[in-house]
């Protein structure tokens, strides 16, 4: 792989610098727009091929917490009951 750097040629340095500056400005504008539109604490964000992905800090509802506790408990209890039944 040492030959890769020898085969790359930048023919338009001002154009490359302009592209990098525009890219950074657009990323900062996107970050600002996301934080202004959503009033939640922003954890992270990414720009990908399918759009903007954002992560916010939020506490799950009480129902979701209880379901995440009761669901595995019921499955485990059901396996104990089915294992203790005579064959």
N, C-alpha and C. Protein backbone atom coordinates (compact mmCIF):
# COMPACT_ATOMS: atom_id res chain seq x y z
N UNK A 1 0.77 -1.21 0.00
CA UNK A 1 0.00 0.00 0.00
C UNK A 1 0.82 1.28 0.00
N UNK A 2 2.13 1.24 0.06
CA UNK A 2 2.87 2.50 0.04
C UNK A 2 2.75 3.23 -1.29
N UNK A 3 2.36 2.56 -2.35
CA UNK A 3 2.26 3.21 -3.65
C UNK A 3 1.00 4.04 -3.84
N UNK A 4 0.06 3.96 -2.90
CA UNK A 4 -1.20 4.69 -3.05
C UNK A 4 -0.97 6.20 -3.03
N UNK A 5 -0.13 6.67 -2.14
CA UNK A 5 0.12 8.10 -2.05
C UNK A 5 0.84 8.64 -3.28
N UNK A 6 1.57 7.81 -3.96
CA UNK A 6 2.27 8.28 -5.16
C UNK A 6 1.33 8.38 -6.36
N UNK A 7 0.19 7.70 -6.31
CA UNK A 7 -0.72 7.73 -7.44
C UNK A 7 -1.82 8.78 -7.29
N UNK A 8 -1.90 9.45 -6.14
CA UNK A 8 -2.92 10.48 -5.93
C UNK A 8 -2.37 11.83 -6.34
N UNK A 9 -3.14 12.54 -7.16
CA UNK A 9 -2.73 13.87 -7.62
C UNK A 9 -3.88 14.85 -7.39
N UNK A 10 -3.59 15.94 -6.74
CA UNK A 10 -4.58 16.99 -6.56
C UNK A 10 -4.26 18.07 -7.58
N UNK A 11 -5.17 18.25 -8.53
CA UNK A 11 -4.91 19.22 -9.59
C UNK A 11 -5.51 20.58 -9.28
N UNK A 12 -6.47 20.63 -8.36
CA UNK A 12 -7.14 21.89 -8.07
C UNK A 12 -7.15 22.09 -6.55
N UNK A 13 -6.09 22.63 -6.00
CA UNK A 13 -5.96 22.81 -4.55
C UNK A 13 -6.99 23.81 -4.02
N UNK A 14 -7.22 24.96 -4.65
CA UNK A 14 -8.27 25.86 -4.14
C UNK A 14 -9.66 25.22 -4.14
N UNK A 15 -9.95 24.42 -5.15
CA UNK A 15 -11.23 23.73 -5.21
C UNK A 15 -11.37 22.73 -4.08
N UNK A 16 -10.28 22.02 -3.77
CA UNK A 16 -10.29 21.07 -2.67
C UNK A 16 -10.50 21.78 -1.34
N UNK A 17 -9.81 22.88 -1.13
CA UNK A 17 -9.97 23.65 0.10
C UNK A 17 -11.39 24.21 0.21
N UNK A 18 -11.94 24.70 -0.90
CA UNK A 18 -13.32 25.21 -0.90
C UNK A 18 -14.30 24.09 -0.54
N UNK A 19 -14.11 22.90 -1.10
CA UNK A 19 -14.98 21.77 -0.80
C UNK A 19 -14.91 21.41 0.68
N UNK A 20 -13.73 21.39 1.26
CA UNK A 20 -13.60 21.06 2.68
C UNK A 20 -14.27 22.11 3.56
N UNK A 21 -14.11 23.38 3.22
CA UNK A 21 -14.74 24.45 4.00
C UNK A 21 -16.26 24.36 3.90
N UNK A 22 -16.79 24.13 2.70
CA UNK A 22 -18.23 24.00 2.52
C UNK A 22 -18.76 22.79 3.29
N UNK A 23 -18.02 21.69 3.26
CA UNK A 23 -18.43 20.48 3.98
C UNK A 23 -18.50 20.75 5.49
N UNK A 24 -17.50 21.41 6.03
CA UNK A 24 -17.49 21.70 7.47
C UNK A 24 -18.63 22.66 7.83
N UNK A 25 -18.86 23.68 7.01
CA UNK A 25 -19.93 24.63 7.27
C UNK A 25 -21.30 23.94 7.21
N UNK A 26 -21.51 23.08 6.24
CA UNK A 26 -22.79 22.36 6.15
C UNK A 26 -23.00 21.42 7.33
N UNK A 27 -21.93 20.77 7.79
CA UNK A 27 -22.05 19.90 8.97
C UNK A 27 -22.42 20.71 10.20
N UNK A 28 -21.79 21.86 10.38
CA UNK A 28 -22.11 22.70 11.54
C UNK A 28 -23.53 23.25 11.44
N UNK A 29 -23.98 23.62 10.24
CA UNK A 29 -25.35 24.11 10.07
C UNK A 29 -26.37 23.00 10.36
N UNK A 30 -26.06 21.78 9.95
CA UNK A 30 -26.95 20.66 10.23
C UNK A 30 -27.05 20.42 11.73
N UNK A 31 -25.90 20.46 12.41
CA UNK A 31 -25.89 20.28 13.86
C UNK A 31 -26.72 21.36 14.55
N UNK A 32 -26.57 22.58 14.12
CA UNK A 32 -27.32 23.69 14.70
C UNK A 32 -28.82 23.54 14.44
N UNK A 33 -29.19 23.14 13.22
CA UNK A 33 -30.61 22.96 12.90
C UNK A 33 -31.23 21.85 13.72
N UNK A 34 -30.50 20.76 13.92
CA UNK A 34 -31.03 19.65 14.71
C UNK A 34 -31.25 20.07 16.16
N UNK A 35 -30.29 20.78 16.73
CA UNK A 35 -30.43 21.19 18.13
C UNK A 35 -31.52 22.24 18.30
N UNK A 36 -31.77 23.06 17.28
CA UNK A 36 -32.83 24.06 17.39
C UNK A 36 -34.22 23.44 17.19
N UNK A 37 -34.33 22.44 16.32
CA UNK A 37 -35.62 21.82 16.07
C UNK A 37 -36.06 20.91 17.20
N UNK A 38 -35.12 20.20 17.80
CA UNK A 38 -35.43 19.30 18.91
C UNK A 38 -34.90 19.93 20.18
N UNK A 39 -35.71 19.99 21.20
CA UNK A 39 -35.30 20.63 22.44
C UNK A 39 -34.85 19.60 23.47
N UNK A 40 -34.24 18.52 23.01
CA UNK A 40 -33.72 17.48 23.89
C UNK A 40 -32.20 17.53 23.84
N UNK A 41 -31.54 17.01 24.88
CA UNK A 41 -30.07 16.98 24.85
C UNK A 41 -29.56 16.05 23.75
N UNK A 42 -28.74 16.58 22.89
CA UNK A 42 -28.21 15.82 21.76
C UNK A 42 -26.96 15.06 22.18
N UNK A 43 -26.96 13.75 21.97
CA UNK A 43 -25.81 12.92 22.31
C UNK A 43 -24.87 12.81 21.13
N UNK A 44 -25.41 12.50 19.98
CA UNK A 44 -24.57 12.35 18.79
C UNK A 44 -25.41 12.40 17.53
N UNK A 45 -24.73 12.61 16.42
CA UNK A 45 -25.42 12.65 15.14
C UNK A 45 -24.44 12.26 14.05
N UNK A 46 -24.99 11.79 12.95
CA UNK A 46 -24.15 11.36 11.84
C UNK A 46 -24.90 11.61 10.54
N UNK A 47 -24.15 11.94 9.51
CA UNK A 47 -24.72 12.10 8.17
C UNK A 47 -24.31 10.89 7.36
N UNK A 48 -25.29 10.15 6.89
CA UNK A 48 -25.01 8.94 6.14
C UNK A 48 -25.70 8.98 4.79
N UNK A 49 -25.64 7.87 4.06
CA UNK A 49 -26.25 7.84 2.73
C UNK A 49 -27.78 7.91 2.77
N UNK A 50 -28.39 7.60 3.91
CA UNK A 50 -29.85 7.62 4.02
C UNK A 50 -30.36 8.82 4.79
N UNK A 51 -29.52 9.82 5.04
CA UNK A 51 -29.96 11.02 5.73
C UNK A 51 -29.21 11.25 7.02
N UNK A 52 -29.82 12.00 7.91
CA UNK A 52 -29.20 12.36 9.18
C UNK A 52 -29.73 11.44 10.27
N UNK A 53 -28.82 10.86 11.04
CA UNK A 53 -29.18 10.02 12.17
C UNK A 53 -28.81 10.76 13.44
N UNK A 54 -29.74 10.84 14.38
CA UNK A 54 -29.49 11.57 15.62
C UNK A 54 -29.77 10.66 16.81
N UNK A 55 -29.09 10.94 17.92
CA UNK A 55 -29.31 10.24 19.18
C UNK A 55 -29.56 11.28 20.27
N UNK A 56 -30.66 11.14 20.98
CA UNK A 56 -31.00 12.06 22.04
C UNK A 56 -31.04 11.30 23.36
N UNK A 57 -30.81 12.03 24.45
CA UNK A 57 -30.94 11.47 25.78
C UNK A 57 -32.41 11.55 26.17
N UNK A 58 -33.00 10.43 26.49
CA UNK A 58 -34.37 10.44 27.00
C UNK A 58 -34.55 9.26 27.92
N UNK A 59 -35.41 9.42 28.89
CA UNK A 59 -35.71 8.36 29.83
C UNK A 59 -36.88 7.55 29.31
N UNK A 60 -36.77 6.22 29.31
CA UNK A 60 -37.89 5.42 28.82
C UNK A 60 -39.09 5.53 29.78
N UNK A 61 -40.25 5.25 29.24
CA UNK A 61 -41.45 5.33 30.07
C UNK A 61 -41.47 4.22 31.11
N UNK A 62 -42.29 4.40 32.13
CA UNK A 62 -42.40 3.41 33.20
C UNK A 62 -42.94 2.09 32.66
N UNK A 63 -43.87 2.16 31.72
CA UNK A 63 -44.41 0.94 31.12
C UNK A 63 -43.32 0.14 30.40
N UNK A 64 -42.47 0.82 29.66
CA UNK A 64 -41.39 0.14 28.95
C UNK A 64 -40.39 -0.50 29.92
N UNK A 65 -40.11 0.17 31.02
CA UNK A 65 -39.21 -0.40 32.03
C UNK A 65 -39.81 -1.65 32.63
N UNK A 66 -41.10 -1.60 32.99
CA UNK A 66 -41.75 -2.77 33.57
C UNK A 66 -41.84 -3.91 32.57
N UNK A 67 -42.13 -3.63 31.31
CA UNK A 67 -42.20 -4.69 30.31
C UNK A 67 -40.84 -5.35 30.09
N UNK A 68 -39.77 -4.56 30.15
CA UNK A 68 -38.44 -5.15 29.97
C UNK A 68 -38.03 -5.99 31.17
N UNK A 69 -38.67 -5.80 32.31
CA UNK A 69 -38.37 -6.62 33.50
C UNK A 69 -39.29 -7.84 33.54
N UNK A 70 -40.58 -7.62 33.27
CA UNK A 70 -41.56 -8.70 33.42
C UNK A 70 -41.46 -9.72 32.28
N UNK A 71 -41.16 -9.27 31.07
CA UNK A 71 -41.09 -10.18 29.92
C UNK A 71 -40.10 -11.32 30.12
N UNK A 72 -38.82 -11.05 30.39
CA UNK A 72 -37.88 -12.15 30.62
C UNK A 72 -38.24 -12.99 31.85
N UNK A 73 -38.81 -12.35 32.88
CA UNK A 73 -39.19 -13.11 34.08
C UNK A 73 -40.29 -14.12 33.75
N UNK A 74 -41.27 -13.71 32.95
CA UNK A 74 -42.34 -14.64 32.56
C UNK A 74 -41.80 -15.78 31.69
N UNK A 75 -40.88 -15.47 30.80
CA UNK A 75 -40.29 -16.52 29.96
C UNK A 75 -39.52 -17.52 30.81
N UNK A 76 -38.75 -17.01 31.75
CA UNK A 76 -37.97 -17.90 32.61
C UNK A 76 -38.89 -18.73 33.50
N UNK A 77 -39.93 -18.09 34.03
CA UNK A 77 -40.89 -18.84 34.85
C UNK A 77 -41.61 -19.90 34.06
N UNK A 78 -41.95 -19.58 32.82
CA UNK A 78 -42.60 -20.57 31.97
C UNK A 78 -41.70 -21.75 31.67
N UNK A 79 -40.41 -21.51 31.51
CA UNK A 79 -39.50 -22.63 31.25
C UNK A 79 -39.34 -23.50 32.49
N UNK A 80 -39.37 -22.91 33.69
CA UNK A 80 -39.30 -23.70 34.92
C UNK A 80 -40.55 -24.56 35.07
N UNK A 81 -41.71 -23.97 34.77
CA UNK A 81 -42.96 -24.72 34.90
C UNK A 81 -43.00 -25.87 33.91
N UNK A 82 -42.61 -25.62 32.67
CA UNK A 82 -42.65 -26.68 31.66
C UNK A 82 -41.60 -27.75 31.94
N UNK A 83 -40.50 -27.40 32.58
CA UNK A 83 -39.49 -28.40 32.90
C UNK A 83 -39.89 -29.24 34.09
N UNK A 84 -40.73 -28.69 34.98
CA UNK A 84 -41.12 -29.45 36.18
C UNK A 84 -42.32 -30.35 35.94
N UNK A 85 -43.03 -30.21 34.83
CA UNK A 85 -44.16 -31.05 34.54
C UNK A 85 -43.70 -32.47 34.18
N UNK A 86 -44.45 -33.46 34.62
CA UNK A 86 -44.04 -34.83 34.26
C UNK A 86 -44.26 -35.10 32.78
N UNK A 87 -43.38 -35.90 32.23
CA UNK A 87 -43.45 -36.17 30.80
C UNK A 87 -44.47 -37.18 30.46
